[in-house]
Protein backbone atom coordinates (compact mmCIF):
# COMPACT_ATOMS: atom_id res chain seq x y z
CA UNK A 1 -16.16 1.16 8.65
CA UNK A 2 -14.53 -1.50 6.47
CA UNK A 3 -16.43 -4.73 5.93
CA UNK A 4 -14.44 -7.62 4.46
CA UNK A 5 -16.44 -9.78 2.07
CA UNK A 6 -14.47 -13.01 1.56
CA UNK A 7 -14.32 -14.33 -1.98
CA UNK A 8 -15.43 -17.80 -0.87
CA UNK A 9 -18.63 -16.35 0.64
CA UNK A 10 -19.71 -14.41 -2.46
CA UNK A 11 -22.78 -15.42 -4.45
CA UNK A 12 -22.15 -16.94 -7.83
CA UNK A 13 -23.04 -19.23 -10.67
CA UNK A 14 -21.31 -21.80 -12.86
CA UNK A 15 -22.76 -21.93 -16.36
CA UNK A 16 -19.97 -24.09 -17.75
CA UNK A 17 -18.74 -21.49 -20.21
CA UNK A 18 -19.01 -18.79 -17.50
CA UNK A 19 -17.88 -19.02 -13.89
CA UNK A 20 -19.07 -15.93 -12.02
CA UNK A 21 -18.85 -14.57 -8.50
CA UNK A 22 -21.12 -11.67 -7.52
CA UNK A 23 -20.15 -9.11 -4.90
CA UNK A 24 -23.72 -7.77 -5.06
CA UNK A 25 -27.15 -9.20 -5.92
CA UNK A 26 -27.18 -10.11 -9.60
CA UNK A 27 -29.30 -12.33 -11.85
CA UNK A 28 -30.50 -15.32 -9.77
CA UNK A 29 -28.32 -14.40 -6.79
CA UNK A 30 -30.25 -12.16 -4.40
CA UNK A 31 -29.14 -10.87 -1.02
CA UNK A 32 -31.20 -7.97 0.41
CA UNK A 33 -28.13 -6.85 2.36
CA UNK A 34 -26.07 -6.56 -0.83
CA UNK A 35 -28.04 -4.52 -3.33
CA UNK A 36 -25.24 -2.03 -3.94
CA UNK A 37 -22.83 0.33 -2.21
CA UNK A 38 -23.49 3.98 -2.91
CA UNK A 39 -23.93 4.30 -6.69
CA UNK A 40 -22.07 1.00 -7.24
CA UNK A 41 -24.61 -1.66 -8.25
CA UNK A 42 -22.64 -4.60 -9.69
CA UNK A 43 -19.16 -6.06 -9.26
CA UNK A 44 -18.86 -9.42 -11.01
CA UNK A 45 -15.70 -11.53 -11.02
CA UNK A 46 -16.01 -13.52 -14.26
CA UNK A 47 -14.06 -16.30 -15.93
CA UNK A 48 -15.15 -16.81 -19.57
CA UNK A 49 -14.16 -19.98 -21.42
CA UNK A 50 -12.36 -19.75 -24.79
CA UNK A 51 -14.54 -19.12 -27.85
CA UNK A 52 -17.64 -18.30 -25.79
CA UNK A 53 -19.23 -15.15 -24.49
CA UNK A 54 -22.32 -13.06 -23.89
CA UNK A 55 -24.58 -12.80 -26.98
CA UNK A 56 -26.27 -9.47 -27.85
CA UNK A 57 -28.40 -8.10 -25.02
CA UNK A 58 -29.71 -4.64 -24.04
CA UNK A 59 -28.67 -2.12 -21.40
CA UNK A 60 -29.84 1.37 -20.48
CA UNK A 61 -28.97 3.99 -17.86
CA UNK A 62 -25.83 2.32 -16.51
CA UNK A 63 -22.08 2.94 -16.66
CA UNK A 64 -20.43 -0.44 -17.31
CA UNK A 65 -16.69 -0.70 -16.71
CA UNK A 66 -14.74 -3.83 -17.66
CA UNK A 67 -11.32 -4.42 -16.09
CA UNK A 68 -9.58 -7.28 -17.91
CA UNK A 69 -7.31 -9.32 -15.64
CA UNK A 70 -6.13 -11.99 -18.10
CA UNK A 71 -6.88 -12.92 -21.69
CA UNK A 72 -8.98 -10.49 -23.72
CA UNK A 73 -12.59 -9.58 -24.43
CA UNK A 74 -14.04 -8.49 -27.79
CA UNK A 75 -16.88 -5.97 -27.73
CA UNK A 76 -19.55 -5.42 -30.40
CA UNK A 77 -22.58 -3.13 -30.10
CA UNK A 78 -25.57 -1.79 -31.98
CA UNK A 79 -23.78 1.55 -32.56
CA UNK A 80 -21.19 -0.20 -34.74
CA UNK A 81 -18.41 -0.12 -32.14
CA UNK A 82 -16.07 -3.10 -32.07
CA UNK A 83 -12.85 -3.55 -30.16
CA UNK A 84 -10.62 -6.01 -28.34
CA UNK A 85 -9.64 -5.18 -24.76
CA UNK A 86 -6.79 -7.25 -23.34
CA UNK A 87 -5.25 -7.79 -19.92
CA UNK A 88 -4.26 -4.51 -18.30
CA UNK A 89 -6.76 -2.56 -20.39
CA UNK A 90 -10.13 -1.10 -19.42
CA UNK A 91 -13.30 -0.51 -21.41
CA UNK A 92 -16.31 1.65 -20.58
CA UNK A 93 -19.80 1.53 -22.05
CA UNK A 94 -22.22 4.32 -21.16
CA UNK A 95 -25.54 2.67 -21.93
CA UNK A 96 -27.46 5.96 -21.90
CA UNK A 97 -30.90 5.78 -23.51
CA UNK A 98 -30.26 2.20 -24.63
CA UNK A 99 -27.81 0.01 -26.51
CA UNK A 100 -27.38 -3.67 -27.39
CA UNK A 101 -23.94 -5.20 -27.02
CA UNK A 102 -22.13 -8.52 -27.03
CA UNK A 103 -18.91 -9.55 -25.26
CA UNK A 104 -16.94 -12.53 -26.59
CA UNK A 105 -13.79 -14.34 -25.55
CA UNK A 106 -12.28 -15.13 -28.93
CA UNK A 107 -8.98 -16.21 -27.40
CA UNK A 108 -7.57 -19.71 -27.02
CA UNK A 109 -7.36 -19.27 -23.22
CA UNK A 110 -9.89 -18.31 -20.54
CA UNK A 111 -10.48 -14.60 -19.97
CA UNK A 112 -10.86 -13.25 -16.45
CA UNK A 113 -12.27 -9.83 -15.70
CA UNK A 114 -14.09 -7.59 -13.28
CA UNK A 115 -17.33 -6.11 -14.59
CA UNK A 116 -18.40 -3.05 -12.61
CA UNK A 117 -21.74 -1.24 -12.97
CA UNK A 118 -22.23 2.27 -11.60
CA UNK A 119 -25.47 4.26 -11.71
CA UNK A 120 -25.19 7.42 -13.87
CA UNK A 121 -25.86 10.90 -12.52
CA UNK A 122 -28.89 11.18 -14.82
CA UNK A 123 -30.96 9.06 -17.16
CA UNK A 124 -30.86 8.99 -20.95
CA UNK A 125 -28.23 10.44 -23.23
CA UNK A 126 -26.46 9.08 -26.29
CA UNK A 127 -24.80 5.71 -25.64
CA UNK A 128 -21.02 5.50 -26.05
CA UNK A 129 -18.13 3.06 -25.77
CA UNK A 130 -14.38 3.40 -25.35
CA UNK A 131 -11.32 1.41 -24.31
CA UNK A 132 -7.78 2.27 -23.28
CA UNK A 133 -4.58 0.50 -22.16
CA UNK A 134 -3.34 1.23 -18.65
CA UNK A 135 0.15 -0.31 -18.38
CA UNK A 136 0.73 -1.73 -14.93
CA UNK A 137 4.17 -0.10 -14.77
CA UNK A 138 2.49 3.33 -14.99
CA UNK A 139 0.45 2.62 -11.84
CA UNK A 140 3.25 1.03 -9.83
CA UNK A 141 3.10 2.40 -6.30
CA UNK A 142 0.25 4.80 -7.02
CA UNK A 143 -3.48 4.89 -7.67
CA UNK A 144 -4.35 5.95 -11.21
CA UNK A 145 -7.88 6.93 -12.31
CA UNK A 146 -8.99 4.39 -14.93
CA UNK A 147 -12.53 5.70 -15.41
CA UNK A 148 -13.91 8.89 -13.94
CA UNK A 149 -16.75 11.37 -13.98
CA UNK A 150 -14.53 14.16 -12.61
CA UNK A 151 -13.04 16.72 -14.97
CA UNK A 152 -9.64 16.78 -13.29
CA UNK A 153 -8.88 13.10 -13.85
CA UNK A 154 -6.93 13.51 -17.07
CA UNK A 155 -6.29 10.30 -18.98
CA UNK A 156 -9.18 8.37 -17.44
CA UNK A 157 -11.98 6.97 -19.56
CA UNK A 158 -15.07 9.17 -19.02
CA UNK A 159 -18.15 7.95 -17.16
CA UNK A 160 -21.39 9.83 -16.48
CA UNK A 161 -21.36 9.50 -12.73
CA UNK A 162 -19.83 11.31 -9.77
CA UNK A 163 -17.49 8.39 -9.33
CA UNK A 164 -14.08 7.09 -10.24
CA UNK A 165 -12.50 3.68 -10.75
CA UNK A 166 -8.81 3.54 -9.76
CA UNK A 167 -6.07 0.95 -10.11
CA UNK A 168 -2.64 0.40 -8.60
CA UNK A 169 0.10 -2.21 -8.45
CA UNK A 170 2.01 -2.43 -5.18
CA UNK A 171 5.16 -4.27 -4.22
CA UNK A 172 5.17 -6.12 -0.93
CA UNK A 173 5.57 -3.59 1.88
CA UNK A 174 4.59 -0.61 -0.26
CA UNK A 175 1.62 1.55 0.67
CA UNK A 176 -0.55 4.17 -0.96
CA UNK A 177 -3.02 6.63 0.53
CA UNK A 178 -6.33 7.86 -0.86
CA UNK A 179 -8.53 10.71 0.39
CA UNK A 180 -11.95 9.09 0.10
CA UNK A 181 -14.09 11.41 2.21
CA UNK A 182 -16.30 10.22 5.06
CA UNK A 183 -19.47 10.91 3.04
CA UNK A 184 -18.32 8.77 0.11
CA UNK A 185 -18.52 5.02 -0.52
CA UNK A 186 -15.48 2.93 -1.43
CA UNK A 187 -15.24 -0.65 -2.65
CA UNK A 188 -11.82 -2.27 -3.05
CA UNK A 189 -10.89 -5.64 -4.52
CA UNK A 190 -7.35 -7.00 -4.95
CA UNK A 191 -7.15 -8.63 -8.37
CA UNK A 192 -4.17 -10.48 -6.91
CA UNK A 193 -2.10 -10.35 -3.76
CA UNK A 194 -3.09 -9.32 -0.26
CA UNK A 195 -3.42 -5.86 1.28
CA UNK A 196 -4.39 -4.11 4.48
CA UNK A 197 -6.91 -1.27 4.22
CA UNK A 198 -6.72 0.88 7.35
CA UNK A 199 -5.46 -2.22 9.14
CA UNK A 200 -8.12 -4.63 7.79
CA UNK A 201 -6.60 -7.49 5.80
CA UNK A 202 -8.17 -8.14 2.39
CA UNK A 203 -7.12 -11.21 0.40
CA UNK A 204 -7.10 -11.66 -3.37
CA UNK A 205 -10.59 -11.24 -4.88
CA UNK A 206 -12.17 -10.43 -1.50
CA UNK A 207 -14.26 -7.27 -1.40
CA UNK A 208 -13.84 -4.41 1.07
CA UNK A 209 -16.99 -2.30 1.49
CA UNK A 210 -15.87 1.05 2.89
CA UNK A 211 -17.99 3.83 4.39
CA UNK A 212 -17.42 6.62 6.89
CA UNK A 213 -13.66 6.64 6.26
CA UNK A 214 -12.17 10.03 5.41
CA UNK A 215 -8.86 8.55 4.23
CA UNK A 216 -7.54 5.13 3.24
CA UNK A 217 -4.08 3.70 3.78
CA UNK A 218 -3.59 0.64 1.61
CA UNK A 219 -0.52 -1.47 2.43
CA UNK A 220 0.58 -4.47 0.36
CA UNK A 221 1.23 -7.62 2.39
CA UNK A 222 2.55 -9.22 -0.82
CA UNK A 223 2.88 -8.03 -4.40
CA UNK A 224 -0.63 -6.88 -5.24
CA UNK A 225 -2.86 -5.42 -7.94
CA UNK A 226 -5.89 -3.51 -6.66
CA UNK A 227 -9.01 -1.89 -8.06
CA UNK A 228 -10.88 0.74 -6.03
CA UNK A 229 -14.27 2.32 -6.81
CA UNK A 230 -15.15 5.67 -5.19
CA UNK A 231 -18.82 6.71 -5.50
CA UNK A 232 -21.28 9.12 -3.97
């Protein structure tokens, strides 16, 4: 089953400095039908105004993946980690037993990103943070693991969950296949462009909640950039 969740129908909030759309219940947006999808708990589509950001706040027992679509985000945390993640790059914070962090847009332009939260396989553990560039040319026409809890996904940022986050860029007319597994949960969002997933059309920034599908065929209707989460 593939359920299209149109971008225009997503929950959201406009805080002035932050314009957010929520694919799942988050903060003051609550929908009992959208509490998560498998181990995926949060998928926020954020636009952060220049010279603003999220001040220090705590997290625990969550894998937090940030996919930067435009601009850049600067991370600081209570472990002393600091880094700037720009468009095309990905960062991962394993909150573990607990960490405080801040995320700032210190650029002169708005920053847009997907923030994805996945439940870890177990609670606790030492918190960690990492970031890595993933050039779009390297994922042209193919899905590349960006973050993964599986040992065989060389080059992906590690997460502590039986899950993976994948990205691809597709030219119009191109297609890519992915063996999801009927017992797994998939969630796909085009960062831009338009695709068909097993024949279901998904527009830019729509969500596709996927379950009971052993394999996915993703075809680009126009030049597209996609992010796919595969969880238990």
